[in-house]
Amino acid sequence: STAVGKLRLDVEAEGKTKTGYTPVSTTSHSIIDHEKALAFYQQVLGLHIIIDDVLDKPETNHFLGRPKEAQTRATFVSAAHPFGKIALSHPLNYEASSKGDIQVPPNIGYLAQSFLVPDVQKALAVCDEIGAERFSDPADIMLPGVGPRFAAVVRNPGSGALMELIEGTPL
């Protein structure tokens, strides 16, 4: 009945690839403001919380390279599909470095995550409401192997990370 137990059942039902991998995909996002980051994932993308806990065991901190006494709020968000999750890591009693200032020109840049949304303009309206700064105006882009798509890039208000919103049908 736990989140991990439910995921295990989903993986067992789905099986593994020919090379032995599961379809489970989790990306990690380090944040500095939990409520603002969560507003982006919940209000713009429609994700919901599946796990919300504080990681504070010395063994976990050692494994993750965090200070021994670190407390990190770990919040996992997901949509209806069981295999795509985002792990939000929010340092509660220590500082984590931010890479937000180096992800823009003249540097090559870095998109923290790209997401399919049914309507980019509607998603941008919600971004405006929650304070997600627009980094690029919406435009047609070419996705290799997919073709043209309408997209825009915003800054997640909880971290400053760049997030790409691509018009399409989410799973």
N, C-alpha and C. Protein backbone atom coordinates (compact mmCIF):
# COMPACT_ATOMS: atom_id res chain seq x y z
N SER A 1 0.81 -1.21 0.00
CA SER A 1 0.00 0.00 0.00
C SER A 1 0.85 1.27 0.00
N THR A 2 2.18 1.14 0.08
CA THR A 2 3.05 2.31 0.07
C THR A 2 3.29 2.79 -1.36
N ALA A 3 3.82 4.00 -1.50
CA ALA A 3 4.14 4.52 -2.83
C ALA A 3 5.16 3.63 -3.52
N VAL A 4 6.17 3.19 -2.79
CA VAL A 4 7.20 2.32 -3.37
C VAL A 4 6.58 0.96 -3.73
N GLY A 5 5.72 0.44 -2.87
CA GLY A 5 5.06 -0.84 -3.15
C GLY A 5 4.18 -0.77 -4.39
N LYS A 6 3.45 0.33 -4.55
CA LYS A 6 2.60 0.50 -5.74
C LYS A 6 3.46 0.59 -7.00
N LEU A 7 4.57 1.31 -6.91
CA LEU A 7 5.47 1.42 -8.06
C LEU A 7 6.04 0.05 -8.41
N ARG A 8 6.38 -0.73 -7.41
CA ARG A 8 6.91 -2.08 -7.66
C ARG A 8 5.89 -2.92 -8.42
N LEU A 9 4.62 -2.84 -8.03
CA LEU A 9 3.58 -3.59 -8.74
C LEU A 9 3.44 -3.12 -10.19
N ASP A 10 3.52 -1.81 -10.40
CA ASP A 10 3.46 -1.27 -11.77
C ASP A 10 4.63 -1.77 -12.61
N VAL A 11 5.83 -1.78 -12.03
CA VAL A 11 7.01 -2.24 -12.76
C VAL A 11 6.87 -3.73 -13.09
N GLU A 12 6.40 -4.52 -12.13
CA GLU A 12 6.22 -5.95 -12.38
C GLU A 12 5.20 -6.19 -13.50
N ALA A 13 4.16 -5.38 -13.54
CA ALA A 13 3.14 -5.53 -14.58
C ALA A 13 3.67 -5.10 -15.95
N GLU A 14 4.52 -4.09 -15.98
CA GLU A 14 5.04 -3.55 -17.24
C GLU A 14 6.21 -4.37 -17.78
N GLY A 15 6.99 -4.95 -16.87
CA GLY A 15 8.15 -5.73 -17.31
C GLY A 15 9.37 -4.86 -17.52
N LYS A 16 10.39 -5.45 -18.11
CA LYS A 16 11.65 -4.76 -18.36
C LYS A 16 11.95 -4.76 -19.86
N THR A 17 12.85 -3.86 -20.25
CA THR A 17 13.27 -3.82 -21.64
C THR A 17 14.17 -5.01 -21.94
N LYS A 18 14.53 -5.19 -23.20
CA LYS A 18 15.41 -6.29 -23.60
C LYS A 18 16.76 -6.22 -22.90
N THR A 19 17.17 -5.01 -22.53
CA THR A 19 18.46 -4.84 -21.86
C THR A 19 18.34 -4.85 -20.34
N GLY A 20 17.14 -5.11 -19.82
CA GLY A 20 16.97 -5.26 -18.38
C GLY A 20 16.57 -4.02 -17.62
N TYR A 21 16.26 -2.94 -18.33
CA TYR A 21 15.86 -1.70 -17.65
C TYR A 21 14.36 -1.66 -17.44
N THR A 22 13.95 -0.94 -16.40
CA THR A 22 12.53 -0.72 -16.16
C THR A 22 12.14 0.61 -16.81
N PRO A 23 10.85 0.83 -17.03
CA PRO A 23 10.41 2.10 -17.62
C PRO A 23 10.35 3.25 -16.61
N VAL A 24 10.78 3.03 -15.38
CA VAL A 24 10.71 4.06 -14.35
C VAL A 24 11.68 5.19 -14.68
N SER A 25 11.19 6.41 -14.59
CA SER A 25 12.03 7.57 -14.85
C SER A 25 11.77 8.60 -13.75
N THR A 26 12.82 8.98 -13.05
CA THR A 26 12.72 10.01 -12.03
C THR A 26 13.80 11.04 -12.30
N THR A 27 13.41 12.30 -12.38
CA THR A 27 14.39 13.37 -12.48
C THR A 27 14.43 14.11 -11.15
N SER A 28 15.55 14.70 -10.86
CA SER A 28 15.73 15.40 -9.60
C SER A 28 15.83 16.89 -9.86
N HIS A 29 15.27 17.67 -8.97
CA HIS A 29 15.30 19.12 -9.09
C HIS A 29 15.59 19.70 -7.71
N SER A 30 16.75 20.34 -7.56
CA SER A 30 17.10 21.02 -6.31
C SER A 30 16.42 22.38 -6.30
N ILE A 31 15.76 22.67 -5.22
CA ILE A 31 14.97 23.90 -5.13
C ILE A 31 15.37 24.71 -3.89
N ILE A 32 15.01 25.99 -3.90
CA ILE A 32 15.29 26.85 -2.74
C ILE A 32 14.01 27.33 -2.08
N ASP A 33 12.89 27.23 -2.77
CA ASP A 33 11.60 27.62 -2.21
C ASP A 33 10.58 26.54 -2.55
N HIS A 34 10.25 25.75 -1.54
CA HIS A 34 9.39 24.58 -1.73
C HIS A 34 8.01 24.94 -2.26
N GLU A 35 7.38 25.91 -1.67
CA GLU A 35 6.01 26.26 -2.06
C GLU A 35 5.94 26.81 -3.49
N LYS A 36 6.91 27.65 -3.85
CA LYS A 36 6.91 28.21 -5.21
C LYS A 36 7.20 27.13 -6.26
N ALA A 37 8.14 26.24 -5.97
CA ALA A 37 8.44 25.15 -6.91
C ALA A 37 7.23 24.23 -7.04
N LEU A 38 6.62 23.91 -5.93
CA LEU A 38 5.45 23.02 -5.94
C LEU A 38 4.30 23.67 -6.72
N ALA A 39 4.14 24.98 -6.61
CA ALA A 39 3.09 25.67 -7.36
C ALA A 39 3.29 25.46 -8.86
N PHE A 40 4.53 25.50 -9.33
CA PHE A 40 4.80 25.27 -10.75
C PHE A 40 4.37 23.86 -11.15
N TYR A 41 4.83 22.88 -10.41
CA TYR A 41 4.54 21.49 -10.78
C TYR A 41 3.05 21.15 -10.65
N GLN A 42 2.40 21.70 -9.63
CA GLN A 42 0.99 21.38 -9.45
C GLN A 42 0.08 22.22 -10.35
N GLN A 43 0.27 23.54 -10.38
CA GLN A 43 -0.66 24.41 -11.08
C GLN A 43 -0.41 24.50 -12.58
N VAL A 44 0.85 24.49 -13.00
CA VAL A 44 1.16 24.57 -14.42
C VAL A 44 1.07 23.20 -15.08
N LEU A 45 1.61 22.18 -14.41
CA LEU A 45 1.70 20.85 -15.02
C LEU A 45 0.65 19.86 -14.53
N GLY A 46 -0.06 20.19 -13.46
CA GLY A 46 -1.10 19.28 -12.96
C GLY A 46 -0.57 18.05 -12.24
N LEU A 47 0.66 18.11 -11.73
CA LEU A 47 1.21 16.97 -11.01
C LEU A 47 0.71 16.97 -9.56
N HIS A 48 0.81 15.82 -8.92
CA HIS A 48 0.38 15.73 -7.52
C HIS A 48 1.48 15.07 -6.68
N ILE A 49 1.44 15.32 -5.38
CA ILE A 49 2.45 14.79 -4.46
C ILE A 49 2.18 13.31 -4.22
N ILE A 50 3.24 12.49 -4.36
CA ILE A 50 3.10 11.07 -4.03
C ILE A 50 3.96 10.70 -2.81
N ILE A 51 5.00 11.47 -2.54
CA ILE A 51 5.84 11.27 -1.35
C ILE A 51 6.27 12.65 -0.88
N ASP A 52 6.22 12.88 0.44
CA ASP A 52 6.70 14.13 1.02
C ASP A 52 7.31 13.78 2.37
N ASP A 53 8.63 13.83 2.47
CA ASP A 53 9.30 13.37 3.68
C ASP A 53 10.58 14.18 3.87
N VAL A 54 11.14 14.11 5.06
CA VAL A 54 12.42 14.75 5.35
C VAL A 54 13.48 13.67 5.46
N LEU A 55 14.53 13.80 4.65
CA LEU A 55 15.66 12.88 4.70
C LEU A 55 16.69 13.47 5.65
N ASP A 56 17.03 12.73 6.70
CA ASP A 56 17.97 13.27 7.68
C ASP A 56 18.89 12.22 8.31
N LYS A 57 18.88 11.01 7.79
CA LYS A 57 19.73 9.98 8.35
C LYS A 57 21.18 10.21 7.92
N PRO A 58 22.14 10.07 8.85
CA PRO A 58 23.55 10.27 8.50
C PRO A 58 24.00 9.40 7.32
N GLU A 59 23.50 8.16 7.25
CA GLU A 59 23.90 7.26 6.17
C GLU A 59 23.41 7.79 4.81
N THR A 60 22.18 8.30 4.78
CA THR A 60 21.63 8.88 3.55
C THR A 60 22.44 10.10 3.15
N ASN A 61 22.73 10.96 4.12
CA ASN A 61 23.50 12.17 3.84
C ASN A 61 24.90 11.84 3.33
N HIS A 62 25.53 10.83 3.90
CA HIS A 62 26.86 10.42 3.44
C HIS A 62 26.77 9.94 1.98
N PHE A 63 25.80 9.10 1.69
CA PHE A 63 25.62 8.56 0.34
C PHE A 63 25.39 9.67 -0.67
N LEU A 64 24.62 10.69 -0.29
CA LEU A 64 24.28 11.79 -1.20
C LEU A 64 25.28 12.94 -1.17
N GLY A 65 26.32 12.81 -0.34
CA GLY A 65 27.35 13.85 -0.28
C GLY A 65 26.88 15.11 0.41
N ARG A 66 25.95 14.97 1.32
CA ARG A 66 25.43 16.12 2.07
C ARG A 66 26.08 16.18 3.44
N PRO A 67 25.99 17.33 4.13
CA PRO A 67 26.52 17.41 5.49
C PRO A 67 25.88 16.34 6.38
N LYS A 68 26.63 15.85 7.36
CA LYS A 68 26.18 14.75 8.22
C LYS A 68 24.83 15.02 8.88
N GLU A 69 24.61 16.24 9.33
CA GLU A 69 23.37 16.60 10.04
C GLU A 69 22.32 17.21 9.11
N ALA A 70 22.51 17.10 7.81
CA ALA A 70 21.60 17.74 6.84
C ALA A 70 20.18 17.21 6.95
N GLN A 71 19.25 18.13 6.75
CA GLN A 71 17.83 17.79 6.64
C GLN A 71 17.37 18.30 5.28
N THR A 72 16.84 17.37 4.48
CA THR A 72 16.40 17.70 3.13
C THR A 72 14.96 17.26 2.96
N ARG A 73 14.10 18.20 2.61
CA ARG A 73 12.72 17.84 2.32
C ARG A 73 12.68 17.24 0.92
N ALA A 74 12.25 16.00 0.82
CA ALA A 74 12.17 15.30 -0.45
C ALA A 74 10.69 15.14 -0.80
N THR A 75 10.29 15.79 -1.88
CA THR A 75 8.90 15.72 -2.32
C THR A 75 8.89 15.17 -3.74
N PHE A 76 8.20 14.05 -3.92
CA PHE A 76 8.08 13.45 -5.24
C PHE A 76 6.72 13.82 -5.80
N VAL A 77 6.71 14.33 -7.04
CA VAL A 77 5.46 14.67 -7.71
C VAL A 77 5.35 13.83 -8.98
N SER A 78 4.11 13.57 -9.38
CA SER A 78 3.87 12.71 -10.53
C SER A 78 2.52 13.02 -11.13
N ALA A 79 2.32 12.58 -12.36
CA ALA A 79 1.01 12.68 -13.02
C ALA A 79 0.33 11.33 -12.86
N ALA A 80 -0.62 11.04 -13.73
CA ALA A 80 -1.36 9.78 -13.64
C ALA A 80 -0.50 8.58 -14.01
N HIS A 81 0.50 8.77 -14.88
CA HIS A 81 1.35 7.67 -15.31
C HIS A 81 2.33 7.32 -14.20
N PRO A 82 2.47 6.06 -13.82
CA PRO A 82 3.29 5.71 -12.66
C PRO A 82 4.79 5.81 -12.87
N PHE A 83 5.26 5.97 -14.12
CA PHE A 83 6.69 5.86 -14.33
C PHE A 83 7.44 7.18 -14.43
N GLY A 84 6.78 8.29 -14.54
CA GLY A 84 7.46 9.58 -14.62
C GLY A 84 7.28 10.36 -13.33
N LYS A 85 8.37 10.64 -12.63
CA LYS A 85 8.30 11.35 -11.37
C LYS A 85 9.39 12.42 -11.33
N ILE A 86 9.16 13.41 -10.48
CA ILE A 86 10.17 14.43 -10.24
C ILE A 86 10.41 14.48 -8.73
N ALA A 87 11.66 14.39 -8.35
CA ALA A 87 12.04 14.45 -6.94
C ALA A 87 12.54 15.86 -6.65
N LEU A 88 11.78 16.59 -5.84
CA LEU A 88 12.19 17.93 -5.43
C LEU A 88 13.01 17.81 -4.15
N SER A 89 14.21 18.37 -4.16
CA SER A 89 15.09 18.34 -2.98
C SER A 89 15.24 19.75 -2.46
N HIS A 90 14.77 19.97 -1.23
CA HIS A 90 14.81 21.29 -0.63
C HIS A 90 15.66 21.25 0.64
N PRO A 91 16.87 21.83 0.62
CA PRO A 91 17.71 21.86 1.82
C PRO A 91 17.03 22.67 2.92
N LEU A 92 16.91 22.07 4.10
CA LEU A 92 16.25 22.76 5.21
C LEU A 92 17.23 23.43 6.16
N ASN A 93 18.42 22.85 6.35
CA ASN A 93 19.35 23.42 7.33
C ASN A 93 20.78 23.53 6.80
N TYR A 94 20.92 23.61 5.48
CA TYR A 94 22.24 23.78 4.86
C TYR A 94 22.06 24.48 3.52
N GLU A 95 23.14 25.00 2.98
CA GLU A 95 23.11 25.71 1.70
C GLU A 95 23.45 24.75 0.56
N ALA A 96 22.74 24.87 -0.53
CA ALA A 96 23.06 24.12 -1.74
C ALA A 96 23.38 25.13 -2.83
N SER A 97 24.37 24.82 -3.64
CA SER A 97 24.77 25.76 -4.68
C SER A 97 23.73 25.81 -5.79
N SER A 98 23.62 26.97 -6.42
CA SER A 98 22.68 27.17 -7.52
C SER A 98 23.47 27.35 -8.80
N LYS A 99 22.99 26.75 -9.87
CA LYS A 99 23.63 26.89 -11.18
C LYS A 99 22.83 27.80 -12.10
N GLY A 100 21.80 28.45 -11.56
CA GLY A 100 20.91 29.27 -12.37
C GLY A 100 21.60 30.39 -13.12
N ASP A 101 22.65 30.95 -12.55
CA ASP A 101 23.31 32.08 -13.20
C ASP A 101 24.22 31.67 -14.36
N ILE A 102 24.51 30.39 -14.49
CA ILE A 102 25.41 29.95 -15.58
C ILE A 102 24.68 29.23 -16.71
N GLN A 103 23.37 29.21 -16.67
CA GLN A 103 22.63 28.47 -17.69
C GLN A 103 22.12 29.34 -18.84
N VAL A 104 22.72 30.48 -19.00
CA VAL A 104 22.30 31.41 -20.05
C VAL A 104 23.52 31.83 -20.88
N PRO A 105 23.31 32.40 -22.09
CA PRO A 105 24.42 32.84 -22.92
C PRO A 105 25.33 33.80 -22.15
N PRO A 106 26.64 33.76 -22.39
CA PRO A 106 27.31 33.06 -23.48
C PRO A 106 27.56 31.58 -23.19
N ASN A 107 27.16 31.08 -22.04
CA ASN A 107 27.32 29.66 -21.75
C ASN A 107 26.37 28.86 -22.64
N ILE A 108 26.64 27.60 -22.79
CA ILE A 108 25.80 26.75 -23.62
C ILE A 108 24.38 26.68 -23.06
N GLY A 109 24.27 26.68 -21.76
CA GLY A 109 22.95 26.66 -21.14
C GLY A 109 22.54 25.28 -20.69
N TYR A 110 21.45 25.25 -19.96
CA TYR A 110 20.96 24.00 -19.40
C TYR A 110 19.47 24.14 -19.18
N LEU A 111 18.71 23.22 -19.73
CA LEU A 111 17.28 23.16 -19.43
C LEU A 111 17.11 22.12 -18.34
N ALA A 112 16.57 22.52 -17.22
CA ALA A 112 16.38 21.57 -16.14
C ALA A 112 15.46 20.45 -16.59
N GLN A 113 14.36 20.82 -17.20
CA GLN A 113 13.38 19.83 -17.62
C GLN A 113 12.54 20.39 -18.75
N SER A 114 12.02 19.51 -19.59
CA SER A 114 11.08 19.88 -20.64
C SER A 114 9.79 19.11 -20.40
N PHE A 115 8.67 19.78 -20.62
CA PHE A 115 7.38 19.16 -20.34
C PHE A 115 6.41 19.39 -21.48
N LEU A 116 5.61 18.38 -21.77
CA LEU A 116 4.51 18.54 -22.71
C LEU A 116 3.33 19.13 -21.96
N VAL A 117 2.72 20.14 -22.53
CA VAL A 117 1.50 20.74 -21.97
C VAL A 117 0.47 20.83 -23.10
N PRO A 118 -0.81 20.67 -22.80
CA PRO A 118 -1.82 20.72 -23.86
C PRO A 118 -1.89 22.05 -24.58
N ASP A 119 -1.61 23.16 -23.87
CA ASP A 119 -1.74 24.49 -24.46
C ASP A 119 -0.68 25.40 -23.83
N VAL A 120 0.33 25.76 -24.61
CA VAL A 120 1.43 26.58 -24.09
C VAL A 120 0.92 27.93 -23.59
N GLN A 121 0.02 28.57 -24.33
CA GLN A 121 -0.48 29.89 -23.91
C GLN A 121 -1.19 29.82 -22.56
N LYS A 122 -2.01 28.79 -22.35
CA LYS A 122 -2.69 28.64 -21.06
C LYS A 122 -1.68 28.37 -19.95
N ALA A 123 -0.67 27.53 -20.25
CA ALA A 123 0.37 27.24 -19.25
C ALA A 123 1.13 28.52 -18.89
N LEU A 124 1.41 29.35 -19.88
CA LEU A 124 2.11 30.61 -19.62
C LEU A 124 1.27 31.56 -18.78
N ALA A 125 -0.04 31.55 -18.98
CA ALA A 125 -0.92 32.40 -18.16
C ALA A 125 -0.83 31.98 -16.69
N VAL A 126 -0.79 30.67 -16.44
CA VAL A 126 -0.64 30.19 -15.06
C VAL A 126 0.75 30.54 -14.54
N CYS A 127 1.76 30.42 -15.39
CA CYS A 127 3.12 30.80 -14.98
C CYS A 127 3.15 32.27 -14.54
N ASP A 128 2.47 33.13 -15.28
CA ASP A 128 2.40 34.54 -14.91
C ASP A 128 1.76 34.71 -13.53
N GLU A 129 0.70 33.94 -13.27
CA GLU A 129 -0.01 34.03 -11.98
C GLU A 129 0.86 33.63 -10.80
N ILE A 130 1.71 32.62 -10.99
CA ILE A 130 2.51 32.11 -9.86
C ILE A 130 3.92 32.72 -9.80
N GLY A 131 4.23 33.61 -10.73
CA GLY A 131 5.52 34.28 -10.69
C GLY A 131 6.65 33.54 -11.38
N ALA A 132 6.33 32.67 -12.34
CA ALA A 132 7.37 31.99 -13.12
C ALA A 132 7.76 32.92 -14.27
N GLU A 133 8.92 33.52 -14.18
CA GLU A 133 9.40 34.49 -15.17
C GLU A 133 9.56 33.84 -16.55
N ARG A 134 9.08 34.54 -17.56
CA ARG A 134 9.27 34.07 -18.94
C ARG A 134 10.71 34.33 -19.36
N PHE A 135 11.37 33.30 -19.85
CA PHE A 135 12.74 33.42 -20.34
C PHE A 135 12.75 33.61 -21.85
N SER A 136 11.83 32.93 -22.54
CA SER A 136 11.71 33.11 -23.99
C SER A 136 10.24 33.19 -24.36
N ASP A 137 9.96 34.01 -25.35
CA ASP A 137 8.60 34.10 -25.86
C ASP A 137 8.24 32.79 -26.55
N PRO A 138 6.95 32.46 -26.60
CA PRO A 138 6.55 31.24 -27.30
C PRO A 138 6.93 31.33 -28.78
N ALA A 139 7.37 30.20 -29.31
CA ALA A 139 7.79 30.15 -30.72
C ALA A 139 7.70 28.72 -31.22
N ASP A 140 7.67 28.57 -32.52
CA ASP A 140 7.75 27.25 -33.12
C ASP A 140 9.20 26.80 -33.09
N ILE A 141 9.42 25.56 -32.62
CA ILE A 141 10.76 24.98 -32.60
C ILE A 141 10.71 23.67 -33.37
N MET A 142 11.86 23.18 -33.78
CA MET A 142 11.94 21.90 -34.47
C MET A 142 12.54 20.88 -33.52
N LEU A 143 11.79 19.83 -33.22
CA LEU A 143 12.29 18.75 -32.39
C LEU A 143 12.74 17.61 -33.30
N PRO A 144 14.01 17.25 -33.25
CA PRO A 144 14.50 16.17 -34.11
C PRO A 144 13.68 14.89 -33.92
N GLY A 145 13.26 14.31 -35.01
CA GLY A 145 12.49 13.08 -34.97
C GLY A 145 11.02 13.26 -34.65
N VAL A 146 10.63 14.48 -34.29
CA VAL A 146 9.24 14.76 -33.92
C VAL A 146 8.62 15.75 -34.89
N GLY A 147 9.36 16.80 -35.19
CA GLY A 147 8.85 17.83 -36.08
C GLY A 147 8.63 19.13 -35.34
N PRO A 148 7.90 20.06 -35.95
CA PRO A 148 7.70 21.37 -35.33
C PRO A 148 6.75 21.30 -34.13
N ARG A 149 7.07 22.04 -33.13
CA ARG A 149 6.23 22.16 -31.94
C ARG A 149 6.27 23.61 -31.46
N PHE A 150 5.21 24.02 -30.80
CA PHE A 150 5.12 25.35 -30.20
C PHE A 150 5.67 25.24 -28.78
N ALA A 151 6.57 26.13 -28.37
CA ALA A 151 7.22 26.00 -27.07
C ALA A 151 7.61 27.35 -26.50
N ALA A 152 7.87 27.37 -25.21
CA ALA A 152 8.37 28.54 -24.51
C ALA A 152 9.21 28.05 -23.33
N VAL A 153 10.06 28.93 -22.82
CA VAL A 153 10.89 28.59 -21.67
C VAL A 153 10.61 29.60 -20.56
N VAL A 154 10.44 29.08 -19.33
CA VAL A 154 10.22 29.90 -18.15
C VAL A 154 11.22 29.50 -17.07
N ARG A 155 11.34 30.36 -16.06
CA ARG A 155 12.15 30.02 -14.88
C ARG A 155 11.22 29.50 -13.80
N ASN A 156 11.58 28.35 -13.24
CA ASN A 156 10.80 27.83 -12.13
C ASN A 156 10.95 28.80 -10.96
N PRO A 157 9.84 29.28 -10.40
CA PRO A 157 9.93 30.28 -9.33
C PRO A 157 10.52 29.75 -8.03
N GLY A 158 10.64 28.45 -7.91
CA GLY A 158 11.19 27.87 -6.68
C GLY A 158 12.67 27.57 -6.75
N SER A 159 13.27 27.76 -7.96
CA SER A 159 14.70 27.46 -8.08
C SER A 159 15.42 28.38 -9.06
N GLY A 160 14.70 28.98 -9.98
CA GLY A 160 15.33 29.76 -11.03
C GLY A 160 15.75 28.91 -12.22
N ALA A 161 15.54 27.58 -12.14
CA ALA A 161 15.92 26.70 -13.24
C ALA A 161 15.03 26.93 -14.45
N LEU A 162 15.61 26.78 -15.64
CA LEU A 162 14.85 26.94 -16.86
C LEU A 162 13.99 25.70 -17.12
N MET A 163 12.74 25.92 -17.47
CA MET A 163 11.79 24.86 -17.75
C MET A 163 11.20 25.11 -19.13
N GLU A 164 11.23 24.10 -19.97
CA GLU A 164 10.69 24.23 -21.32
C GLU A 164 9.29 23.65 -21.36
N LEU A 165 8.36 24.43 -21.87
CA LEU A 165 6.98 23.99 -22.03
C LEU A 165 6.73 23.77 -23.52
N ILE A 166 6.42 22.54 -23.91
CA ILE A 166 6.24 22.17 -25.30
C ILE A 166 4.80 21.73 -25.50
N GLU A 167 4.14 22.31 -26.50
CA GLU A 167 2.74 21.97 -26.74
C GLU A 167 2.65 20.54 -27.28
N GLY A 168 1.82 19.75 -26.63
CA GLY A 168 1.63 18.36 -27.01
C GLY A 168 0.74 17.67 -26.00
N THR A 169 0.50 16.41 -26.20
CA THR A 169 -0.37 15.64 -25.32
C THR A 169 0.47 14.90 -24.28
N PRO A 170 0.39 15.31 -23.00
CA PRO A 170 1.12 14.57 -21.96
C PRO A 170 0.54 13.17 -21.79
N LEU A 171 1.37 12.25 -21.28
CA LEU A 171 0.88 10.89 -21.02
C LEU A 171 -0.16 10.91 -19.93
